[in-house]
Amino acid sequence: HVNMLIYYRRLGQIYMTIAALELDLDDASQCFG
């Protein structure tokens, strides 16, 4: 519970990183693969 409180914003950054990576991967895969 303390880890959730301290790293609440970091988990949000992890979500944003995963979503951004997926979008960039899909964009790169449309041309090749």
PDB file of all heavy atoms in Angstrom:
ATOM      1  N   HIS A   1       0.818  -1.215   0.000  1.00  0.00           N
ATOM      2  CA  HIS A   1       0.000   0.000   0.000  1.00  0.00           C
ATOM      3  C   HIS A   1       0.848   1.260   0.000  1.00  0.00           C
ATOM      4  O   HIS A   1       0.526   2.230  -0.696  1.00  0.00           O
ATOM      5  CB  HIS A   1      -0.946  -0.027   1.204  1.00  0.00           C
ATOM      6  CG  HIS A   1      -1.986  -1.094   1.101  1.00  0.00           C
ATOM      7  ND1 HIS A   1      -2.677  -1.580   2.202  1.00  0.00           N
ATOM      8  CD2 HIS A   1      -2.465  -1.784   0.045  1.00  0.00           C
ATOM      9  CE1 HIS A   1      -3.520  -2.508   1.815  1.00  0.00           C
ATOM     10  NE2 HIS A   1      -3.403  -2.652   0.508  1.00  0.00           N
ATOM     11  N   VAL A   2       1.940   1.269   0.760  1.00  0.00           N
ATOM     12  CA  VAL A   2       2.832   2.434   0.749  1.00  0.00           C
ATOM     13  C   VAL A   2       3.503   2.569  -0.615  1.00  0.00           C
ATOM     14  O   VAL A   2       3.696   3.684  -1.124  1.00  0.00           O
ATOM     15  CB  VAL A   2       3.874   2.311   1.876  1.00  0.00           C
ATOM     16  CG1 VAL A   2       4.931   3.406   1.754  1.00  0.00           C
ATOM     17  CG2 VAL A   2       3.203   2.392   3.238  1.00  0.00           C
ATOM     18  N   ASN A   3       3.857   1.442  -1.228  1.00  0.00           N
ATOM     19  CA  ASN A   3       4.454   1.464  -2.564  1.00  0.00           C
ATOM     20  C   ASN A   3       3.489   2.058  -3.582  1.00  0.00           C
ATOM     21  O   ASN A   3       3.891   2.824  -4.470  1.00  0.00           O
ATOM     22  CB  ASN A   3       4.854   0.049  -2.970  1.00  0.00           C
ATOM     23  CG  ASN A   3       5.744   0.025  -4.200  1.00  0.00           C
ATOM     24  OD1 ASN A   3       6.899   0.393  -4.132  1.00  0.00           O
ATOM     25  ND2 ASN A   3       5.201  -0.414  -5.326  1.00  0.00           N
ATOM     26  N   MET A   4       2.195   1.720  -3.470  1.00  0.00           N
ATOM     27  CA  MET A   4       1.187   2.314  -4.353  1.00  0.00           C
ATOM     28  C   MET A   4       1.113   3.820  -4.176  1.00  0.00           C
ATOM     29  O   MET A   4       0.969   4.569  -5.143  1.00  0.00           O
ATOM     30  CB  MET A   4      -0.192   1.697  -4.083  1.00  0.00           C
ATOM     31  CG  MET A   4      -0.430   0.355  -4.707  1.00  0.00           C
ATOM     32  SD  MET A   4      -2.167  -0.093  -4.670  1.00  0.00           S
ATOM     33  CE  MET A   4      -2.507  -0.084  -2.909  1.00  0.00           C
ATOM     34  N   LEU A   5       1.194   4.267  -2.934  1.00  0.00           N
ATOM     35  CA  LEU A   5       1.093   5.696  -2.647  1.00  0.00           C
ATOM     36  C   LEU A   5       2.304   6.460  -3.169  1.00  0.00           C
ATOM     37  O   LEU A   5       2.168   7.522  -3.802  1.00  0.00           O
ATOM     38  CB  LEU A   5       0.939   5.908  -1.146  1.00  0.00           C
ATOM     39  CG  LEU A   5       0.870   7.357  -0.647  1.00  0.00           C
ATOM     40  CD1 LEU A   5      -0.371   8.044  -1.201  1.00  0.00           C
ATOM     41  CD2 LEU A   5       0.888   7.406   0.869  1.00  0.00           C
ATOM     42  N   ILE A   6       3.500   5.924  -2.917  1.00  0.00           N
ATOM     43  CA  ILE A   6       4.724   6.625  -3.306  1.00  0.00           C
ATOM     44  C   ILE A   6       4.901   6.647  -4.822  1.00  0.00           C
ATOM     45  O   ILE A   6       5.267   7.668  -5.414  1.00  0.00           O
ATOM     46  CB  ILE A   6       5.946   5.982  -2.623  1.00  0.00           C
ATOM     47  CG1 ILE A   6       5.849   6.145  -1.098  1.00  0.00           C
ATOM     48  CG2 ILE A   6       7.243   6.587  -3.138  1.00  0.00           C
ATOM     49  CD1 ILE A   6       6.956   5.453  -0.338  1.00  0.00           C
ATOM     50  N   TYR A   7       4.624   5.504  -5.450  1.00  0.00           N
ATOM     51  CA  TYR A   7       4.865   5.368  -6.890  1.00  0.00           C
ATOM     52  C   TYR A   7       3.581   5.448  -7.707  1.00  0.00           C
ATOM     53  O   TYR A   7       3.494   4.828  -8.782  1.00  0.00           O
ATOM     54  CB  TYR A   7       5.580   4.045  -7.176  1.00  0.00           C
ATOM     55  CG  TYR A   7       6.968   3.983  -6.606  1.00  0.00           C
ATOM     56  CD1 TYR A   7       7.330   2.990  -5.700  1.00  0.00           C
ATOM     57  CD2 TYR A   7       7.931   4.906  -6.973  1.00  0.00           C
ATOM     58  CE1 TYR A   7       8.603   2.929  -5.173  1.00  0.00           C
ATOM     59  CE2 TYR A   7       9.215   4.857  -6.452  1.00  0.00           C
ATOM     60  CZ  TYR A   7       9.544   3.867  -5.553  1.00  0.00           C
ATOM     61  OH  TYR A   7      10.799   3.815  -5.035  1.00  0.00           O
ATOM     62  N   TYR A   8       2.611   6.198  -7.221  1.00  0.00           N
ATOM     63  CA  TYR A   8       1.350   6.336  -7.966  1.00  0.00           C
ATOM     64  C   TYR A   8       1.606   6.969  -9.343  1.00  0.00           C
ATOM     65  O   TYR A   8       1.098   6.469 -10.359  1.00  0.00           O
ATOM     66  CB  TYR A   8       0.372   7.195  -7.162  1.00  0.00           C
ATOM     67  CG  TYR A   8      -0.920   7.504  -7.892  1.00  0.00           C
ATOM     68  CD1 TYR A   8      -1.954   6.572  -7.939  1.00  0.00           C
ATOM     69  CD2 TYR A   8      -1.094   8.723  -8.535  1.00  0.00           C
ATOM     70  CE1 TYR A   8      -3.130   6.843  -8.613  1.00  0.00           C
ATOM     71  CE2 TYR A   8      -2.269   9.008  -9.211  1.00  0.00           C
ATOM     72  CZ  TYR A   8      -3.282   8.071  -9.250  1.00  0.00           C
ATOM     73  OH  TYR A   8      -4.451   8.347  -9.927  1.00  0.00           O
ATOM     74  N   ARG A   9       2.373   8.030  -9.381  1.00  0.00           N
ATOM     75  CA  ARG A   9       2.658   8.694 -10.661  1.00  0.00           C
ATOM     76  C   ARG A   9       3.564   7.836 -11.552  1.00  0.00           C
ATOM     77  O   ARG A   9       3.432   7.868 -12.772  1.00  0.00           O
ATOM     78  CB  ARG A   9       3.301  10.057 -10.407  1.00  0.00           C
ATOM     79  CG  ARG A   9       2.373  11.050  -9.709  1.00  0.00           C
ATOM     80  CD  ARG A   9       3.028  12.420  -9.599  1.00  0.00           C
ATOM     81  NE  ARG A   9       2.151  13.349  -8.915  1.00  0.00           N
ATOM     82  CZ  ARG A   9       1.191  14.062  -9.510  1.00  0.00           C
ATOM     83  NH1 ARG A   9       1.009  13.933 -10.812  1.00  0.00           N
ATOM     84  NH2 ARG A   9       0.445  14.905  -8.831  1.00  0.00           N
ATOM     85  N   ARG A  10       4.478   7.094 -10.942  1.00  0.00           N
ATOM     86  CA  ARG A  10       5.353   6.229 -11.743  1.00  0.00           C
ATOM     87  C   ARG A  10       4.557   5.156 -12.467  1.00  0.00           C
ATOM     88  O   ARG A  10       4.852   4.844 -13.632  1.00  0.00           O
ATOM     89  CB  ARG A  10       6.416   5.592 -10.844  1.00  0.00           C
ATOM     90  CG  ARG A  10       7.243   4.510 -11.533  1.00  0.00           C
ATOM     91  CD  ARG A  10       8.462   4.140 -10.734  1.00  0.00           C
ATOM     92  NE  ARG A  10       9.516   5.118 -10.934  1.00  0.00           N
ATOM     93  CZ  ARG A  10      10.681   5.090 -10.293  1.00  0.00           C
ATOM     94  NH1 ARG A  10      10.919   4.141  -9.401  1.00  0.00           N
ATOM     95  NH2 ARG A  10      11.603   5.996 -10.526  1.00  0.00           N
ATOM     96  N   LEU A  11       3.543   4.588 -11.809  1.00  0.00           N
ATOM     97  CA  LEU A  11       2.698   3.595 -12.487  1.00  0.00           C
ATOM     98  C   LEU A  11       1.969   4.235 -13.652  1.00  0.00           C
ATOM     99  O   LEU A  11       1.802   3.614 -14.713  1.00  0.00           O
ATOM    100  CB  LEU A  11       1.710   2.991 -11.490  1.00  0.00           C
ATOM    101  CG  LEU A  11       0.798   1.887 -12.035  1.00  0.00           C
ATOM    102  CD1 LEU A  11       1.618   0.715 -12.566  1.00  0.00           C
ATOM    103  CD2 LEU A  11      -0.180   1.405 -10.961  1.00  0.00           C
ATOM    104  N   GLY A  12       1.526   5.487 -13.472  1.00  0.00           N
ATOM    105  CA  GLY A  12       0.902   6.202 -14.595  1.00  0.00           C
ATOM    106  C   GLY A  12       1.874   6.397 -15.745  1.00  0.00           C
ATOM    107  O   GLY A  12       1.495   6.269 -16.921  1.00  0.00           O
ATOM    108  N   GLN A  13       3.141   6.695 -15.430  1.00  0.00           N
ATOM    109  CA  GLN A  13       4.155   6.820 -16.480  1.00  0.00           C
ATOM    110  C   GLN A  13       4.397   5.489 -17.180  1.00  0.00           C
ATOM    111  O   GLN A  13       4.634   5.445 -18.397  1.00  0.00           O
ATOM    112  CB  GLN A  13       5.467   7.336 -15.866  1.00  0.00           C
ATOM    113  CG  GLN A  13       5.423   8.790 -15.411  1.00  0.00           C
ATOM    114  CD  GLN A  13       5.240   9.753 -16.564  1.00  0.00           C
ATOM    115  OE1 GLN A  13       5.716   9.507 -17.674  1.00  0.00           O
ATOM    116  NE2 GLN A  13       4.548  10.855 -16.310  1.00  0.00           N
ATOM    117  N   ILE A  14       4.334   4.398 -16.436  1.00  0.00           N
ATOM    118  CA  ILE A  14       4.492   3.071 -17.054  1.00  0.00           C
ATOM    119  C   ILE A  14       3.354   2.805 -18.029  1.00  0.00           C
ATOM    120  O   ILE A  14       3.575   2.302 -19.145  1.00  0.00           O
ATOM    121  CB  ILE A  14       4.555   1.991 -15.956  1.00  0.00           C
ATOM    122  CG1 ILE A  14       5.872   2.102 -15.174  1.00  0.00           C
ATOM    123  CG2 ILE A  14       4.425   0.591 -16.559  1.00  0.00           C
ATOM    124  CD1 ILE A  14       5.950   1.187 -13.977  1.00  0.00           C
ATOM    125  N   TYR A  15       2.125   3.138 -17.630  1.00  0.00           N
ATOM    126  CA  TYR A  15       0.994   2.986 -18.537  1.00  0.00           C
ATOM    127  C   TYR A  15       1.191   3.817 -19.802  1.00  0.00           C
ATOM    128  O   TYR A  15       0.952   3.331 -20.930  1.00  0.00           O
ATOM    129  CB  TYR A  15      -0.297   3.415 -17.841  1.00  0.00           C
ATOM    130  CG  TYR A  15      -0.816   2.441 -16.808  1.00  0.00           C
ATOM    131  CD1 TYR A  15      -1.492   2.896 -15.666  1.00  0.00           C
ATOM    132  CD2 TYR A  15      -0.650   1.073 -16.954  1.00  0.00           C
ATOM    133  CE1 TYR A  15      -1.973   2.012 -14.723  1.00  0.00           C
ATOM    134  CE2 TYR A  15      -1.118   0.185 -16.009  1.00  0.00           C
ATOM    135  CZ  TYR A  15      -1.785   0.667 -14.888  1.00  0.00           C
ATOM    136  OH  TYR A  15      -2.256  -0.214 -13.950  1.00  0.00           O
ATOM    137  N   MET A  16       1.612   5.054 -19.638  1.00  0.00           N
ATOM    138  CA  MET A  16       1.814   5.932 -20.795  1.00  0.00           C
ATOM    139  C   MET A  16       2.924   5.410 -21.696  1.00  0.00           C
ATOM    140  O   MET A  16       2.816   5.477 -22.931  1.00  0.00           O
ATOM    141  CB  MET A  16       2.132   7.351 -20.309  1.00  0.00           C
ATOM    142  CG  MET A  16       0.971   8.059 -19.619  1.00  0.00           C
ATOM    143  SD  MET A  16       1.428   9.671 -18.958  1.00  0.00           S
ATOM    144  CE  MET A  16       1.931  10.518 -20.453  1.00  0.00           C
ATOM    145  N   THR A  17       3.985   4.863 -21.097  1.00  0.00           N
ATOM    146  CA  THR A  17       5.084   4.324 -21.886  1.00  0.00           C
ATOM    147  C   THR A  17       4.635   3.122 -22.713  1.00  0.00           C
ATOM    148  O   THR A  17       4.985   2.991 -23.893  1.00  0.00           O
ATOM    149  CB  THR A  17       6.249   3.921 -20.964  1.00  0.00           C
ATOM    150  OG1 THR A  17       6.669   5.060 -20.210  1.00  0.00           O
ATOM    151  CG2 THR A  17       7.414   3.388 -21.768  1.00  0.00           C
ATOM    152  N   ILE A  18       3.858   2.232 -22.089  1.00  0.00           N
ATOM    153  CA  ILE A  18       3.363   1.050 -22.811  1.00  0.00           C
ATOM    154  C   ILE A  18       2.460   1.470 -23.962  1.00  0.00           C
ATOM    155  O   ILE A  18       2.571   0.950 -25.087  1.00  0.00           O
ATOM    156  CB  ILE A  18       2.612   0.113 -21.843  1.00  0.00           C
ATOM    157  CG1 ILE A  18       3.587  -0.495 -20.836  1.00  0.00           C
ATOM    158  CG2 ILE A  18       1.897  -0.999 -22.612  1.00  0.00           C
ATOM    159  CD1 ILE A  18       2.922  -1.320 -19.757  1.00  0.00           C
ATOM    160  N   ALA A  19       1.551   2.427 -23.701  1.00  0.00           N
ATOM    161  CA  ALA A  19       0.642   2.892 -24.755  1.00  0.00           C
ATOM    162  C   ALA A  19       1.407   3.570 -25.889  1.00  0.00           C
ATOM    163  O   ALA A  19       1.127   3.331 -27.077  1.00  0.00           O
ATOM    164  CB  ALA A  19      -0.386   3.848 -24.158  1.00  0.00           C
ATOM    165  N   ALA A  20       2.403   4.408 -25.547  1.00  0.00           N
ATOM    166  CA  ALA A  20       3.185   5.084 -26.577  1.00  0.00           C
ATOM    167  C   ALA A  20       4.005   4.091 -27.391  1.00  0.00           C
ATOM    168  O   ALA A  20       4.123   4.213 -28.624  1.00  0.00           O
ATOM    169  CB  ALA A  20       4.096   6.132 -25.932  1.00  0.00           C
ATOM    170  N   LEU A  21       4.597   3.118 -26.721  1.00  0.00           N
ATOM    171  CA  LEU A  21       5.353   2.093 -27.439  1.00  0.00           C
ATOM    172  C   LEU A  21       4.476   1.305 -28.398  1.00  0.00           C
ATOM    173  O   LEU A  21       4.884   1.004 -29.529  1.00  0.00           O
ATOM    174  CB  LEU A  21       6.007   1.145 -26.428  1.00  0.00           C
ATOM    175  CG  LEU A  21       7.387   1.529 -25.901  1.00  0.00           C
ATOM    176  CD1 LEU A  21       7.793   0.637 -24.747  1.00  0.00           C
ATOM    177  CD2 LEU A  21       8.424   1.441 -27.020  1.00  0.00           C
ATOM    178  N   GLU A  22       3.276   0.970 -27.960  1.00  0.00           N
ATOM    179  CA  GLU A  22       2.375   0.218 -28.840  1.00  0.00           C
ATOM    180  C   GLU A  22       2.010   1.029 -30.079  1.00  0.00           C
ATOM    181  O   GLU A  22       1.998   0.493 -31.200  1.00  0.00           O
ATOM    182  CB  GLU A  22       1.109  -0.167 -28.074  1.00  0.00           C
ATOM    183  CG  GLU A  22       0.150  -1.001 -28.912  1.00  0.00           C
ATOM    184  CD  GLU A  22      -1.191  -1.217 -28.232  1.00  0.00           C
ATOM    185  OE1 GLU A  22      -1.404  -0.645 -27.149  1.00  0.00           O
ATOM    186  OE2 GLU A  22      -2.019  -1.945 -28.813  1.00  0.00           O
ATOM    187  N   LEU A  23       1.725   2.319 -29.890  1.00  0.00           N
ATOM    188  CA  LEU A  23       1.378   3.166 -31.031  1.00  0.00           C
ATOM    189  C   LEU A  23       2.543   3.277 -32.006  1.00  0.00           C
ATOM    190  O   LEU A  23       2.358   3.174 -33.231  1.00  0.00           O
ATOM    191  CB  LEU A  23       0.955   4.547 -30.538  1.00  0.00           C
ATOM    192  CG  LEU A  23      -0.380   4.626 -29.780  1.00  0.00           C
ATOM    193  CD1 LEU A  23      -0.615   6.028 -29.247  1.00  0.00           C
ATOM    194  CD2 LEU A  23      -1.537   4.181 -30.664  1.00  0.00           C
ATOM    195  N   ASP A  24       3.750   3.480 -31.485  1.00  0.00           N
ATOM    196  CA  ASP A  24       4.914   3.583 -32.358  1.00  0.00           C
ATOM    197  C   ASP A  24       5.225   2.253 -33.043  1.00  0.00           C
ATOM    198  O   ASP A  24       5.649   2.234 -34.210  1.00  0.00           O
ATOM    199  CB  ASP A  24       6.125   4.045 -31.548  1.00  0.00           C
ATOM    200  CG  ASP A  24       5.971   5.480 -31.058  1.00  0.00           C
ATOM    201  OD1 ASP A  24       5.128   6.208 -31.618  1.00  0.00           O
ATOM    202  OD2 ASP A  24       6.674   5.859 -30.095  1.00  0.00           O
ATOM    203  N   LEU A  25       5.025   1.153 -32.335  1.00  0.00           N
ATOM    204  CA  LEU A  25       5.237  -0.161 -32.949  1.00  0.00           C
ATOM    205  C   LEU A  25       4.244  -0.412 -34.080  1.00  0.00           C
ATOM    206  O   LEU A  25       4.612  -0.930 -35.146  1.00  0.00           O
ATOM    207  CB  LEU A  25       5.112  -1.254 -31.892  1.00  0.00           C
ATOM    208  CG  LEU A  25       6.351  -1.545 -31.043  1.00  0.00           C
ATOM    209  CD1 LEU A  25       5.994  -2.455 -29.880  1.00  0.00           C
ATOM    210  CD2 LEU A  25       7.426  -2.183 -31.889  1.00  0.00           C
ATOM    211  N   ASP A  26       2.985  -0.062 -33.845  1.00  0.00           N
ATOM    212  CA  ASP A  26       1.980  -0.234 -34.898  1.00  0.00           C
ATOM    213  C   ASP A  26       2.293   0.650 -36.096  1.00  0.00           C
ATOM    214  O   ASP A  26       2.112   0.230 -37.255  1.00  0.00           O
ATOM    215  CB  ASP A  26       0.589   0.095 -34.354  1.00  0.00           C
ATOM    216  CG  ASP A  26       0.099  -0.953 -33.366  1.00  0.00           C
ATOM    217  OD1 ASP A  26       0.691  -2.049 -33.326  1.00  0.00           O
ATOM    218  OD2 ASP A  26      -0.860  -0.679 -32.622  1.00  0.00           O
ATOM    219  N   ASP A  27       2.771   1.873 -35.835  1.00  0.00           N
ATOM    220  CA  ASP A  27       3.118   2.771 -36.935  1.00  0.00           C
ATOM    221  C   ASP A  27       4.286   2.231 -37.746  1.00  0.00           C
ATOM    222  O   ASP A  27       4.300   2.295 -38.978  1.00  0.00           O
ATOM    223  CB  ASP A  27       3.448   4.150 -36.362  1.00  0.00           C
ATOM    224  CG  ASP A  27       3.731   5.167 -37.456  1.00  0.00           C
ATOM    225  OD1 ASP A  27       2.895   5.301 -38.380  1.00  0.00           O
ATOM    226  OD2 ASP A  27       4.790   5.809 -37.404  1.00  0.00           O
ATOM    227  N   ALA A  28       5.277   1.654 -37.032  1.00  0.00           N
ATOM    228  CA  ALA A  28       6.427   1.079 -37.735  1.00  0.00           C
ATOM    229  C   ALA A  28       6.064  -0.205 -38.471  1.00  0.00           C
ATOM    230  O   ALA A  28       6.639  -0.511 -39.515  1.00  0.00           O
ATOM    231  CB  ALA A  28       7.557   0.809 -36.742  1.00  0.00           C
ATOM    232  N   SER A  29       5.097  -0.953 -37.934  1.00  0.00           N
ATOM    233  CA  SER A  29       4.739  -2.244 -38.539  1.00  0.00           C
ATOM    234  C   SER A  29       3.838  -2.090 -39.753  1.00  0.00           C
ATOM    235  O   SER A  29       3.742  -3.016 -40.571  1.00  0.00           O
ATOM    236  CB  SER A  29       4.028  -3.118 -37.506  1.00  0.00           C
ATOM    237  OG  SER A  29       4.867  -3.360 -36.405  1.00  0.00           O
ATOM    238  N   GLN A  30       3.168  -0.957 -39.895  1.00  0.00           N
ATOM    239  CA  GLN A  30       2.278  -0.773 -41.037  1.00  0.00           C
ATOM    240  C   GLN A  30       3.039  -0.760 -42.349  1.00  0.00           C
ATOM    241  O   GLN A  30       2.546  -1.206 -43.383  1.00  0.00           O
ATOM    242  CB  GLN A  30       1.484   0.526 -40.874  1.00  0.00           C
ATOM    243  CG  GLN A  30       0.387   0.438 -39.833  1.00  0.00           C
ATOM    244  CD  GLN A  30      -0.345   1.752 -39.635  1.00  0.00           C
ATOM    245  OE1 GLN A  30       0.015   2.768 -40.239  1.00  0.00           O
ATOM    246  NE2 GLN A  30      -1.365   1.747 -38.805  1.00  0.00           N
ATOM    247  N   CYS A  31       4.264  -0.227 -42.328  1.00  0.00           N
ATOM    248  CA  CYS A  31       5.086  -0.183 -43.539  1.00  0.00           C
ATOM    249  C   CYS A  31       5.883  -1.464 -43.751  1.00  0.00           C
ATOM    250  O   CYS A  31       6.055  -1.912 -44.888  1.00  0.00           O
ATOM    251  CB  CYS A  31       6.042   1.011 -43.474  1.00  0.00           C
ATOM    252  SG  CYS A  31       5.228   2.613 -43.331  1.00  0.00           S
ATOM    253  N   PHE A  32       6.353  -2.040 -42.655  1.00  0.00           N
ATOM    254  CA  PHE A  32       7.192  -3.235 -42.757  1.00  0.00           C
ATOM    255  C   PHE A  32       6.734  -4.267 -41.736  1.00  0.00           C
ATOM    256  O   PHE A  32       6.899  -4.075 -40.538  1.00  0.00           O
ATOM    257  CB  PHE A  32       8.670  -2.890 -42.504  1.00  0.00           C
ATOM    258  CG  PHE A  32       9.238  -1.907 -43.479  1.00  0.00           C
ATOM    259  CD1 PHE A  32       9.355  -0.568 -43.136  1.00  0.00           C
ATOM    260  CD2 PHE A  32       9.628  -2.310 -44.740  1.00  0.00           C
ATOM    261  CE1 PHE A  32       9.884   0.344 -44.026  1.00  0.00           C
ATOM    262  CE2 PHE A  32      10.153  -1.401 -45.649  1.00  0.00           C
ATOM    263  CZ  PHE A  32      10.274  -0.068 -45.291  1.00  0.00           C
ATOM    264  N   GLY A  33       6.146  -5.326 -42.208  1.00  0.00           N
ATOM    265  CA  GLY A  33       5.788  -6.441 -41.335  1.00  0.00           C
ATOM    266  C   GLY A  33       4.315  -6.648 -41.128  1.00  0.00           C
ATOM    267  O   GLY A  33       3.866  -7.769 -40.917  1.00  0.00           O
TER     268      GLY A  33
END
